[in-house]
PDB file of all heavy atoms in Angstrom:
ATOM      1  N   ASN A   1      -0.868  44.134  41.659  1.00  0.00           N
ATOM      2  CA  ASN A   1       0.282  44.924  42.102  1.00  0.00           C
ATOM      3  C   ASN A   1       0.340  46.248  41.355  1.00  0.00           C
ATOM      4  O   ASN A   1       1.300  46.533  40.644  1.00  0.00           O
ATOM      5  CB  ASN A   1       1.579  44.133  41.885  1.00  0.00           C
ATOM      6  CG  ASN A   1       1.698  42.984  42.837  1.00  0.00           C
ATOM      7  OD1 ASN A   1       2.050  43.163  43.991  1.00  0.00           O
ATOM      8  ND2 ASN A   1       1.365  41.796  42.361  1.00  0.00           N
ATOM      9  N   PRO A   2      -0.682  47.095  41.556  1.00  0.00           N
ATOM     10  CA  PRO A   2      -0.698  48.378  40.847  1.00  0.00           C
ATOM     11  C   PRO A   2       0.306  49.369  41.419  1.00  0.00           C
ATOM     12  O   PRO A   2       1.069  49.036  42.322  1.00  0.00           O
ATOM     13  CB  PRO A   2      -2.128  48.863  41.053  1.00  0.00           C
ATOM     14  CG  PRO A   2      -2.510  48.292  42.368  1.00  0.00           C
ATOM     15  CD  PRO A   2      -1.823  46.956  42.432  1.00  0.00           C
ATOM     16  N   LEU A   3       0.242  50.572  40.885  1.00  0.00           N
ATOM     17  CA  LEU A   3       1.065  51.711  41.229  1.00  0.00           C
ATOM     18  C   LEU A   3       2.063  51.484  42.365  1.00  0.00           C
ATOM     19  O   LEU A   3       1.711  51.341  43.512  1.00  0.00           O
ATOM     20  CB  LEU A   3       0.157  52.886  41.595  1.00  0.00           C
ATOM     21  CG  LEU A   3       0.832  54.227  41.800  1.00  0.00           C
ATOM     22  CD1 LEU A   3       1.473  54.692  40.508  1.00  0.00           C
ATOM     23  CD2 LEU A   3      -0.171  55.249  42.268  1.00  0.00           C
ATOM     24  N   ASN A   4       3.328  51.453  41.980  1.00  0.00           N
ATOM     25  CA  ASN A   4       4.401  51.330  42.957  1.00  0.00           C
ATOM     26  C   ASN A   4       5.485  52.290  42.524  1.00  0.00           C
ATOM     27  O   ASN A   4       6.314  51.965  41.696  1.00  0.00           O
ATOM     28  CB  ASN A   4       4.928  49.894  43.015  1.00  0.00           C
ATOM     29  CG  ASN A   4       6.043  49.729  44.030  1.00  0.00           C
ATOM     30  OD1 ASN A   4       6.457  50.685  44.680  1.00  0.00           O
ATOM     31  ND2 ASN A   4       6.540  48.525  44.164  1.00  0.00           N
ATOM     32  N   LYS A   5       5.478  53.489  43.091  1.00  0.00           N
ATOM     33  CA  LYS A   5       6.463  54.500  42.721  1.00  0.00           C
ATOM     34  C   LYS A   5       7.739  54.401  43.556  1.00  0.00           C
ATOM     35  O   LYS A   5       8.662  55.160  43.352  1.00  0.00           O
ATOM     36  CB  LYS A   5       5.870  55.897  42.879  1.00  0.00           C
ATOM     37  CG  LYS A   5       4.820  56.218  41.849  1.00  0.00           C
ATOM     38  CD  LYS A   5       4.358  57.636  41.992  1.00  0.00           C
ATOM     39  CE  LYS A   5       3.335  57.986  40.951  1.00  0.00           C
ATOM     40  NZ  LYS A   5       2.846  59.352  41.093  1.00  0.00           N
ATOM     41  N   SER A   6       7.787  53.468  44.475  1.00  0.00           N
ATOM     42  CA  SER A   6       8.987  53.332  45.295  1.00  0.00           C
ATOM     43  C   SER A   6      10.089  52.669  44.484  1.00  0.00           C
ATOM     44  O   SER A   6       9.860  52.164  43.387  1.00  0.00           O
ATOM     45  CB  SER A   6       8.691  52.488  46.540  1.00  0.00           C
ATOM     46  OG  SER A   6       8.574  51.125  46.185  1.00  0.00           O
ATOM     47  N   LYS A   7      11.267  52.674  45.003  1.00  0.00           N
ATOM     48  CA  LYS A   7      12.389  52.052  44.318  1.00  0.00           C
ATOM     49  C   LYS A   7      12.472  50.560  44.630  1.00  0.00           C
ATOM     50  O   LYS A   7      13.367  49.869  44.181  1.00  0.00           O
ATOM     51  CB  LYS A   7      13.692  52.752  44.717  1.00  0.00           C
ATOM     52  CG  LYS A   7      13.655  54.242  44.400  1.00  0.00           C
ATOM     53  CD  LYS A   7      14.664  54.590  43.377  1.00  0.00           C
ATOM     54  CE  LYS A   7      14.698  56.084  43.177  1.00  0.00           C
ATOM     55  NZ  LYS A   7      14.361  56.515  41.883  1.00  0.00           N
ATOM     56  N   ASP A   8      11.527  50.061  45.443  1.00  0.00           N
ATOM     57  CA  ASP A   8      11.512  48.641  45.771  1.00  0.00           C
ATOM     58  C   ASP A   8      11.121  47.825  44.544  1.00  0.00           C
ATOM     59  O   ASP A   8      10.295  48.238  43.744  1.00  0.00           O
ATOM     60  CB  ASP A   8      10.512  48.351  46.892  1.00  0.00           C
ATOM     61  CG  ASP A   8      10.881  49.039  48.188  1.00  0.00           C
ATOM     62  OD1 ASP A   8      12.079  49.280  48.402  1.00  0.00           O
ATOM     63  OD2 ASP A   8       9.962  49.339  48.975  1.00  0.00           O
ATOM     64  N   LYS A   9      11.704  46.662  44.431  1.00  0.00           N
ATOM     65  CA  LYS A   9      11.363  45.766  43.344  1.00  0.00           C
ATOM     66  C   LYS A   9       9.923  45.298  43.541  1.00  0.00           C
ATOM     67  O   LYS A   9       9.498  45.049  44.657  1.00  0.00           O
ATOM     68  CB  LYS A   9      12.323  44.580  43.386  1.00  0.00           C
ATOM     69  CG  LYS A   9      12.463  43.856  42.099  1.00  0.00           C
ATOM     70  CD  LYS A   9      13.595  42.862  42.214  1.00  0.00           C
ATOM     71  CE  LYS A   9      14.022  42.410  40.860  1.00  0.00           C
ATOM     72  NZ  LYS A   9      15.100  41.449  40.935  1.00  0.00           N
ATOM     73  N   ASN A  10       9.184  45.212  42.468  1.00  0.00           N
ATOM     74  CA  ASN A  10       7.823  44.721  42.591  1.00  0.00           C
ATOM     75  C   ASN A  10       7.539  43.666  41.533  1.00  0.00           C
ATOM     76  O   ASN A  10       8.322  43.443  40.622  1.00  0.00           O
ATOM     77  CB  ASN A  10       6.818  45.869  42.556  1.00  0.00           C
ATOM     78  CG  ASN A  10       6.743  46.562  41.210  1.00  0.00           C
ATOM     79  OD1 ASN A  10       7.182  46.034  40.199  1.00  0.00           O
ATOM     80  ND2 ASN A  10       6.166  47.739  41.189  1.00  0.00           N
ATOM     81  N   ALA A  11       6.387  43.037  41.682  1.00  0.00           N
ATOM     82  CA  ALA A  11       6.022  41.939  40.788  1.00  0.00           C
ATOM     83  C   ALA A  11       5.931  42.393  39.333  1.00  0.00           C
ATOM     84  O   ALA A  11       6.323  41.658  38.427  1.00  0.00           O
ATOM     85  CB  ALA A  11       4.705  41.321  41.238  1.00  0.00           C
ATOM     86  N   ARG A  12       5.429  43.601  39.109  1.00  0.00           N
ATOM     87  CA  ARG A  12       5.318  44.088  37.729  1.00  0.00           C
ATOM     88  C   ARG A  12       6.690  44.229  37.081  1.00  0.00           C
ATOM     89  O   ARG A  12       6.871  43.863  35.925  1.00  0.00           O
ATOM     90  CB  ARG A  12       4.599  45.437  37.700  1.00  0.00           C
ATOM     91  CG  ARG A  12       3.114  45.339  37.898  1.00  0.00           C
ATOM     92  CD  ARG A  12       2.467  46.694  37.746  1.00  0.00           C
ATOM     93  NE  ARG A  12       1.028  46.587  37.714  1.00  0.00           N
ATOM     94  CZ  ARG A  12       0.227  47.606  37.459  1.00  0.00           C
ATOM     95  NH1 ARG A  12       0.723  48.806  37.221  1.00  0.00           N
ATOM     96  NH2 ARG A  12      -1.068  47.434  37.438  1.00  0.00           N
ATOM     97  N   LEU A  13       7.638  44.753  37.801  1.00  0.00           N
ATOM     98  CA  LEU A  13       8.985  44.929  37.262  1.00  0.00           C
ATOM     99  C   LEU A  13       9.585  43.588  36.879  1.00  0.00           C
ATOM    100  O   LEU A  13      10.165  43.433  35.811  1.00  0.00           O
ATOM    101  CB  LEU A  13       9.883  45.642  38.278  1.00  0.00           C
ATOM    102  CG  LEU A  13      11.331  45.857  37.857  1.00  0.00           C
ATOM    103  CD1 LEU A  13      11.411  46.830  36.684  1.00  0.00           C
ATOM    104  CD2 LEU A  13      12.149  46.377  39.026  1.00  0.00           C
ATOM    105  N   GLU A  14       9.415  42.608  37.735  1.00  0.00           N
ATOM    106  CA  GLU A  14      10.029  41.298  37.519  1.00  0.00           C
ATOM    107  C   GLU A  14       9.494  40.580  36.283  1.00  0.00           C
ATOM    108  O   GLU A  14      10.186  39.768  35.698  1.00  0.00           O
ATOM    109  CB  GLU A  14       9.839  40.426  38.756  1.00  0.00           C
ATOM    110  CG  GLU A  14      10.574  40.968  39.958  1.00  0.00           C
ATOM    111  CD  GLU A  14      10.281  40.221  41.232  1.00  0.00           C
ATOM    112  OE1 GLU A  14       9.323  39.417  41.268  1.00  0.00           O
ATOM    113  OE2 GLU A  14      11.009  40.443  42.214  1.00  0.00           O
ATOM    114  N   MET A  15       8.270  40.879  35.876  1.00  0.00           N
ATOM    115  CA  MET A  15       7.714  40.197  34.698  1.00  0.00           C
ATOM    116  C   MET A  15       7.583  41.109  33.482  1.00  0.00           C
ATOM    117  O   MET A  15       7.075  40.709  32.444  1.00  0.00           O
ATOM    118  CB  MET A  15       6.385  39.535  35.039  1.00  0.00           C
ATOM    119  CG  MET A  15       5.302  40.435  35.501  1.00  0.00           C
ATOM    120  SD  MET A  15       3.825  39.476  35.892  1.00  0.00           S
ATOM    121  CE  MET A  15       3.349  40.270  37.408  1.00  0.00           C
ATOM    122  N   SER A  16       8.078  42.336  33.589  1.00  0.00           N
ATOM    123  CA  SER A  16       7.886  43.301  32.503  1.00  0.00           C
ATOM    124  C   SER A  16       8.641  42.934  31.230  1.00  0.00           C
ATOM    125  O   SER A  16       8.160  43.173  30.129  1.00  0.00           O
ATOM    126  CB  SER A  16       8.251  44.708  32.967  1.00  0.00           C
ATOM    127  OG  SER A  16       9.598  44.770  33.378  1.00  0.00           O
ATOM    128  N   GLU A  17       9.821  42.356  31.343  1.00  0.00           N
ATOM    129  CA  GLU A  17      10.583  41.965  30.153  1.00  0.00           C
ATOM    130  C   GLU A  17       9.832  40.883  29.380  1.00  0.00           C
ATOM    131  O   GLU A  17       9.700  40.942  28.162  1.00  0.00           O
ATOM    132  CB  GLU A  17      11.980  41.488  30.542  1.00  0.00           C
ATOM    133  CG  GLU A  17      12.840  41.142  29.358  1.00  0.00           C
ATOM    134  CD  GLU A  17      14.275  40.795  29.739  1.00  0.00           C
ATOM    135  OE1 GLU A  17      14.591  40.700  30.932  1.00  0.00           O
ATOM    136  OE2 GLU A  17      15.078  40.612  28.820  1.00  0.00           O
ATOM    137  N   ASN A  18       9.315  39.902  30.102  1.00  0.00           N
ATOM    138  CA  ASN A  18       8.555  38.833  29.466  1.00  0.00           C
ATOM    139  C   ASN A  18       7.289  39.380  28.813  1.00  0.00           C
ATOM    140  O   ASN A  18       6.936  39.007  27.700  1.00  0.00           O
ATOM    141  CB  ASN A  18       8.214  37.754  30.499  1.00  0.00           C
ATOM    142  CG  ASN A  18       7.451  36.603  29.898  1.00  0.00           C
ATOM    143  OD1 ASN A  18       6.225  36.620  29.887  1.00  0.00           O
ATOM    144  ND2 ASN A  18       8.165  35.622  29.398  1.00  0.00           N
ATOM    145  N   LEU A  19       6.627  40.298  29.492  1.00  0.00           N
ATOM    146  CA  LEU A  19       5.429  40.933  28.950  1.00  0.00           C
ATOM    147  C   LEU A  19       5.752  41.670  27.656  1.00  0.00           C
ATOM    148  O   LEU A  19       5.060  41.516  26.648  1.00  0.00           O
ATOM    149  CB  LEU A  19       4.854  41.910  29.987  1.00  0.00           C
ATOM    150  CG  LEU A  19       3.729  42.827  29.535  1.00  0.00           C
ATOM    151  CD1 LEU A  19       2.504  42.022  29.135  1.00  0.00           C
ATOM    152  CD2 LEU A  19       3.385  43.809  30.644  1.00  0.00           C
ATOM    153  N   LEU A  20       6.804  42.452  27.671  1.00  0.00           N
ATOM    154  CA  LEU A  20       7.205  43.239  26.510  1.00  0.00           C
ATOM    155  C   LEU A  20       7.521  42.349  25.307  1.00  0.00           C
ATOM    156  O   LEU A  20       7.081  42.608  24.194  1.00  0.00           O
ATOM    157  CB  LEU A  20       8.419  44.097  26.870  1.00  0.00           C
ATOM    158  CG  LEU A  20       8.876  45.108  25.842  1.00  0.00           C
ATOM    159  CD1 LEU A  20       7.926  46.291  25.810  1.00  0.00           C
ATOM    160  CD2 LEU A  20      10.269  45.595  26.185  1.00  0.00           C
ATOM    161  N   LYS A  21       8.256  41.289  25.549  1.00  0.00           N
ATOM    162  CA  LYS A  21       8.704  40.421  24.450  1.00  0.00           C
ATOM    163  C   LYS A  21       7.647  39.446  23.951  1.00  0.00           C
ATOM    164  O   LYS A  21       7.631  39.117  22.766  1.00  0.00           O
ATOM    165  CB  LYS A  21       9.924  39.609  24.907  1.00  0.00           C
ATOM    166  CG  LYS A  21      11.169  40.423  25.081  1.00  0.00           C
ATOM    167  CD  LYS A  21      12.320  39.524  25.529  1.00  0.00           C
ATOM    168  CE  LYS A  21      13.609  40.294  25.649  1.00  0.00           C
ATOM    169  NZ  LYS A  21      14.721  39.426  26.104  1.00  0.00           N
ATOM    170  N   ASN A  22       6.773  38.979  24.843  1.00  0.00           N
ATOM    171  CA  ASN A  22       5.922  37.851  24.488  1.00  0.00           C
ATOM    172  C   ASN A  22       4.420  38.097  24.481  1.00  0.00           C
ATOM    173  O   ASN A  22       3.676  37.241  24.006  1.00  0.00           O
ATOM    174  CB  ASN A  22       6.202  36.681  25.436  1.00  0.00           C
ATOM    175  CG  ASN A  22       7.641  36.231  25.370  1.00  0.00           C
ATOM    176  OD1 ASN A  22       8.184  36.027  24.291  1.00  0.00           O
ATOM    177  ND2 ASN A  22       8.281  36.108  26.515  1.00  0.00           N
ATOM    178  N   HIS A  23       3.959  39.213  25.018  1.00  0.00           N
ATOM    179  CA  HIS A  23       2.517  39.391  25.153  1.00  0.00           C
ATOM    180  C   HIS A  23       1.959  40.644  24.494  1.00  0.00           C
ATOM    181  O   HIS A  23       0.777  40.687  24.175  1.00  0.00           O
ATOM    182  CB  HIS A  23       2.117  39.371  26.631  1.00  0.00           C
ATOM    183  CG  HIS A  23       2.441  38.078  27.292  1.00  0.00           C
ATOM    184  ND1 HIS A  23       1.594  36.995  27.258  1.00  0.00           N
ATOM    185  CD2 HIS A  23       3.540  37.676  27.983  1.00  0.00           C
ATOM    186  CE1 HIS A  23       2.153  35.985  27.909  1.00  0.00           C
ATOM    187  NE2 HIS A  23       3.322  36.374  28.352  1.00  0.00           N
ATOM    188  N   LEU A  24       2.765  41.657  24.320  1.00  0.00           N
ATOM    189  CA  LEU A  24       2.302  42.894  23.681  1.00  0.00           C
ATOM    190  C   LEU A  24       2.848  42.962  22.264  1.00  0.00           C
ATOM    191  O   LEU A  24       4.053  42.892  22.057  1.00  0.00           O
ATOM    192  CB  LEU A  24       2.769  44.117  24.477  1.00  0.00           C
ATOM    193  CG  LEU A  24       2.123  44.292  25.841  1.00  0.00           C
ATOM    194  CD1 LEU A  24       2.810  45.409  26.603  1.00  0.00           C
ATOM    195  CD2 LEU A  24       0.638  44.571  25.704  1.00  0.00           C
ATOM    196  N   GLN A  25       1.953  43.102  21.320  1.00  0.00           N
ATOM    197  CA  GLN A  25       2.348  43.134  19.914  1.00  0.00           C
ATOM    198  C   GLN A  25       2.015  44.495  19.304  1.00  0.00           C
ATOM    199  O   GLN A  25       0.935  45.044  19.554  1.00  0.00           O
ATOM    200  CB  GLN A  25       1.619  42.037  19.136  1.00  0.00           C
ATOM    201  CG  GLN A  25       1.820  40.635  19.691  1.00  0.00           C
ATOM    202  CD  GLN A  25       3.273  40.221  19.737  1.00  0.00           C
ATOM    203  OE1 GLN A  25       4.036  40.495  18.812  1.00  0.00           O
ATOM    204  NE2 GLN A  25       3.680  39.568  20.819  1.00  0.00           N
ATOM    205  N   ILE A  26       2.934  45.012  18.511  1.00  0.00           N
ATOM    206  CA  ILE A  26       2.665  46.244  17.775  1.00  0.00           C
ATOM    207  C   ILE A  26       1.391  46.023  16.949  1.00  0.00           C
ATOM    208  O   ILE A  26       1.214  44.971  16.334  1.00  0.00           O
ATOM    209  CB  ILE A  26       3.858  46.609  16.859  1.00  0.00           C
ATOM    210  CG1 ILE A  26       5.119  46.860  17.703  1.00  0.00           C
ATOM    211  CG2 ILE A  26       3.531  47.793  15.957  1.00  0.00           C
ATOM    212  CD1 ILE A  26       5.011  48.006  18.696  1.00  0.00           C
ATOM    213  N   GLY A  27       0.498  47.008  16.957  1.00  0.00           N
ATOM    214  CA  GLY A  27      -0.764  46.908  16.232  1.00  0.00           C
ATOM    215  C   GLY A  27      -1.944  46.546  17.118  1.00  0.00           C
ATOM    216  O   GLY A  27      -3.097  46.670  16.691  1.00  0.00           O
ATOM    217  N   MET A  28      -1.666  46.100  18.360  1.00  0.00           N
ATOM    218  CA  MET A  28      -2.770  45.831  19.281  1.00  0.00           C
ATOM    219  C   MET A  28      -3.512  47.136  19.544  1.00  0.00           C
ATOM    220  O   MET A  28      -2.934  48.218  19.470  1.00  0.00           O
ATOM    221  CB  MET A  28      -2.249  45.286  20.617  1.00  0.00           C
ATOM    222  CG  MET A  28      -1.694  43.885  20.553  1.00  0.00           C
ATOM    223  SD  MET A  28      -1.018  43.329  22.151  1.00  0.00           S
ATOM    224  CE  MET A  28      -2.511  42.969  23.058  1.00  0.00           C
ATOM    225  N   THR A  29      -4.785  47.040  19.862  1.00  0.00           N
ATOM    226  CA  THR A  29      -5.550  48.234  20.189  1.00  0.00           C
ATOM    227  C   THR A  29      -5.344  48.592  21.661  1.00  0.00           C
ATOM    228  O   THR A  29      -4.940  47.746  22.472  1.00  0.00           O
ATOM    229  CB  THR A  29      -7.056  48.021  19.953  1.00  0.00           C
ATOM    230  OG1 THR A  29      -7.532  47.023  20.871  1.00  0.00           O
ATOM    231  CG2 THR A  29      -7.339  47.618  18.514  1.00  0.00           C
ATOM    232  N   ARG A  30      -5.608  49.842  21.978  1.00  0.00           N
ATOM    233  CA  ARG A  30      -5.530  50.287  23.382  1.00  0.00           C
ATOM    234  C   ARG A  30      -6.480  49.433  24.234  1.00  0.00           C
ATOM    235  O   ARG A  30      -6.151  49.052  25.356  1.00  0.00           O
ATOM    236  CB  ARG A  30      -5.878  51.760  23.488  1.00  0.00           C
ATOM    237  CG  ARG A  30      -5.909  52.254  24.912  1.00  0.00           C
ATOM    238  CD  ARG A  30      -6.088  53.750  25.004  1.00  0.00           C
ATOM    239  NE  ARG A  30      -4.780  54.339  25.184  1.00  0.00           N
ATOM    240  CZ  ARG A  30      -4.315  55.379  24.533  1.00  0.00           C
ATOM    241  NH1 ARG A  30      -5.052  55.976  23.633  1.00  0.00           N
ATOM    242  NH2 ARG A  30      -3.125  55.850  24.772  1.00  0.00           N
ATOM    243  N   GLN A  31      -7.647  49.121  23.697  1.00  0.00           N
ATOM    244  CA  GLN A  31      -8.617  48.307  24.425  1.00  0.00           C
ATOM    245  C   GLN A  31      -8.027  46.926  24.743  1.00  0.00           C
ATOM    246  O   GLN A  31      -8.203  46.406  25.850  1.00  0.00           O
ATOM    247  CB  GLN A  31      -9.902  48.170  23.605  1.00  0.00           C
ATOM    248  CG  GLN A  31     -10.990  47.393  24.292  1.00  0.00           C
ATOM    249  CD  GLN A  31     -12.264  47.317  23.471  1.00  0.00           C
ATOM    250  OE1 GLN A  31     -12.317  47.702  22.309  1.00  0.00           O
ATOM    251  NE2 GLN A  31     -13.317  46.812  24.077  1.00  0.00           N
ATOM    252  N   GLN A  32      -7.320  46.326  23.793  1.00  0.00           N
ATOM    253  CA  GLN A  32      -6.705  45.023  24.025  1.00  0.00           C
ATOM    254  C   GLN A  32      -5.621  45.097  25.101  1.00  0.00           C
ATOM    255  O   GLN A  32      -5.535  44.206  25.948  1.00  0.00           O
ATOM    256  CB  GLN A  32      -6.097  44.482  22.727  1.00  0.00           C
ATOM    257  CG  GLN A  32      -7.119  44.061  21.707  1.00  0.00           C
ATOM    258  CD  GLN A  32      -6.475  43.719  20.369  1.00  0.00           C
ATOM    259  OE1 GLN A  32      -5.637  44.461  19.848  1.00  0.00           O
ATOM    260  NE2 GLN A  32      -6.889  42.592  19.797  1.00  0.00           N
ATOM    261  N   THR A  33      -4.791  46.138  25.052  1.00  0.00           N
ATOM    262  CA  THR A  33      -3.724  46.245  26.051  1.00  0.00           C
ATOM    263  C   THR A  33      -4.298  46.495  27.435  1.00  0.00           C
ATOM    264  O   THR A  33      -3.807  45.950  28.417  1.00  0.00           O
ATOM    265  CB  THR A  33      -2.686  47.328  25.691  1.00  0.00           C
ATOM    266  OG1 THR A  33      -3.310  48.611  25.671  1.00  0.00           O
ATOM    267  CG2 THR A  33      -2.021  47.026  24.356  1.00  0.00           C
ATOM    268  N   ARG A  34      -5.348  47.295  27.511  1.00  0.00           N
ATOM    269  CA  ARG A  34      -5.962  47.565  28.820  1.00  0.00           C
ATOM    270  C   ARG A  34      -6.712  46.356  29.359  1.00  0.00           C
ATOM    271  O   ARG A  34      -6.810  46.171  30.567  1.00  0.00           O
ATOM    272  CB  ARG A  34      -6.860  48.789  28.749  1.00  0.00           C
ATOM    273  CG  ARG A  34      -6.040  50.063  28.624  1.00  0.00           C
ATOM    274  CD  ARG A  34      -6.898  51.285  28.703  1.00  0.00           C
ATOM    275  NE  ARG A  34      -6.076  52.493  28.609  1.00  0.00           N
ATOM    276  CZ  ARG A  34      -6.573  53.708  28.640  1.00  0.00           C
ATOM    277  NH1 ARG A  34      -7.879  53.886  28.767  1.00  0.00           N
ATOM    278  NH2 ARG A  34      -5.774  54.753  28.550  1.00  0.00           N
ATOM    279  N   LYS A  35      -7.242  45.544  28.479  1.00  0.00           N
ATOM    280  CA  LYS A  35      -7.872  44.293  28.932  1.00  0.00           C
ATOM    281  C   LYS A  35      -6.813  43.393  29.569  1.00  0.00           C
ATOM    282  O   LYS A  35      -7.075  42.730  30.570  1.00  0.00           O
ATOM    283  CB  LYS A  35      -8.554  43.585  27.766  1.00  0.00           C
ATOM    284  CG  LYS A  35      -9.292  42.340  28.159  1.00  0.00           C
ATOM    285  CD  LYS A  35     -10.030  41.708  26.997  1.00  0.00           C
ATOM    286  CE  LYS A  35     -10.763  40.465  27.460  1.00  0.00           C
ATOM    287  NZ  LYS A  35     -11.450  39.793  26.359  1.00  0.00           N
ATOM    288  N   LEU A  36      -5.630  43.396  29.009  1.00  0.00           N
ATOM    289  CA  LEU A  36      -4.532  42.580  29.525  1.00  0.00           C
ATOM    290  C   LEU A  36      -3.917  43.175  30.793  1.00  0.00           C
ATOM    291  O   LEU A  36      -3.652  42.455  31.759  1.00  0.00           O
ATOM    292  CB  LEU A  36      -3.449  42.463  28.438  1.00  0.00           C
ATOM    293  CG  LEU A  36      -2.235  41.605  28.748  1.00  0.00           C
ATOM    294  CD1 LEU A  36      -2.632  40.139  28.909  1.00  0.00           C
ATOM    295  CD2 LEU A  36      -1.196  41.759  27.645  1.00  0.00           C
ATOM    296  N   LEU A  37      -3.714  44.502  30.810  1.00  0.00           N
ATOM    297  CA  LEU A  37      -2.949  45.149  31.884  1.00  0.00           C
ATOM    298  C   LEU A  37      -3.777  45.959  32.876  1.00  0.00           C
ATOM    299  O   LEU A  37      -3.244  46.409  33.887  1.00  0.00           O
ATOM    300  CB  LEU A  37      -1.899  46.086  31.267  1.00  0.00           C
ATOM    301  CG  LEU A  37      -0.931  45.464  30.286  1.00  0.00           C
ATOM    302  CD1 LEU A  37      -0.030  46.515  29.691  1.00  0.00           C
ATOM    303  CD2 LEU A  37      -0.127  44.367  30.967  1.00  0.00           C
ATOM    304  N   GLY A  38      -5.022  46.184  32.582  1.00  0.00           N
ATOM    305  CA  GLY A  38      -5.830  47.056  33.423  1.00  0.00           C
ATOM    306  C   GLY A  38      -5.602  48.511  33.041  1.00  0.00           C
ATOM    307  O   GLY A  38      -4.843  48.823  32.124  1.00  0.00           O
ATOM    308  N   GLU A  39      -6.274  49.406  33.732  1.00  0.00           N
ATOM    309  CA  GLU A  39      -6.130  50.834  33.466  1.00  0.00           C
ATOM    310  C   GLU A  39      -4.713  51.292  33.796  1.00  0.00           C
ATOM    311  O   GLU A  39      -4.125  50.845  34.789  1.00  0.00           O
ATOM    312  CB  GLU A  39      -7.135  51.635  34.288  1.00  0.00           C
ATOM    313  CG  GLU A  39      -8.575  51.438  33.849  1.00  0.00           C
ATOM    314  CD  GLU A  39      -8.833  51.919  32.432  1.00  0.00           C
ATOM    315  OE1 GLU A  39      -8.414  53.044  32.079  1.00  0.00           O
ATOM    316  OE2 GLU A  39      -9.462  51.168  31.666  1.00  0.00           O
ATOM    317  N   PRO A  40      -4.153  52.183  33.001  1.00  0.00           N
ATOM    318  CA  PRO A  40      -2.791  52.664  33.279  1.00  0.00           C
ATOM    319  C   PRO A  40      -2.767  53.558  34.521  1.00  0.00           C
ATOM    320  O   PRO A  40      -3.795  54.092  34.939  1.00  0.00           O
ATOM    321  CB  PRO A  40      -2.436  53.456  32.022  1.00  0.00           C
ATOM    322  CG  PRO A  40      -3.752  53.871  31.456  1.00  0.00           C
ATOM    323  CD  PRO A  40      -4.727  52.785  31.801  1.00  0.00           C
ATOM    324  N   ASP A  41      -1.580  53.710  35.076  1.00  0.00           N
ATOM    325  CA  ASP A  41      -1.404  54.595  36.223  1.00  0.00           C
ATOM    326  C   ASP A  41      -1.486  56.052  35.804  1.00  0.00           C
ATOM    327  O   ASP A  41      -1.874  56.906  36.591  1.00  0.00           O
ATOM    328  CB  ASP A  41      -0.051  54.318  36.893  1.00  0.00           C
ATOM    329  CG  ASP A  41       0.036  52.896  37.415  1.00  0.00           C
ATOM    330  OD1 ASP A  41      -0.938  52.441  38.044  1.00  0.00           O
ATOM    331  OD2 ASP A  41       1.065  52.240  37.184  1.00  0.00           O
ATOM    332  N   PHE A  42      -1.118  56.319  34.554  1.00  0.00           N
ATOM    333  CA  PHE A  42      -1.117  57.684  34.039  1.00  0.00           C
ATOM    334  C   PHE A  42      -1.260  57.627  32.527  1.00  0.00           C
ATOM    335  O   PHE A  42      -0.702  56.743  31.884  1.00  0.00           O
ATOM    336  CB  PHE A  42       0.196  58.387  34.419  1.00  0.00           C
ATOM    337  CG  PHE A  42       0.326  59.775  33.878  1.00  0.00           C
ATOM    338  CD1 PHE A  42      -0.375  60.825  34.446  1.00  0.00           C
ATOM    339  CD2 PHE A  42       1.139  60.042  32.788  1.00  0.00           C
ATOM    340  CE1 PHE A  42      -0.266  62.117  33.938  1.00  0.00           C
ATOM    341  CE2 PHE A  42       1.260  61.326  32.276  1.00  0.00           C
ATOM    342  CZ  PHE A  42       0.553  62.364  32.858  1.00  0.00           C
TER     343      PHE A  42
END
């Protein structure tokens, strides 16, 4: 469910709080975050 600039709710939005709290840790490398999330939109 990549790039969704519309105001419609999407799958990424619905799981973003859980991702922020439970899967991304301060100190992770950019490579680790991109392995988890894929390439950023920007």
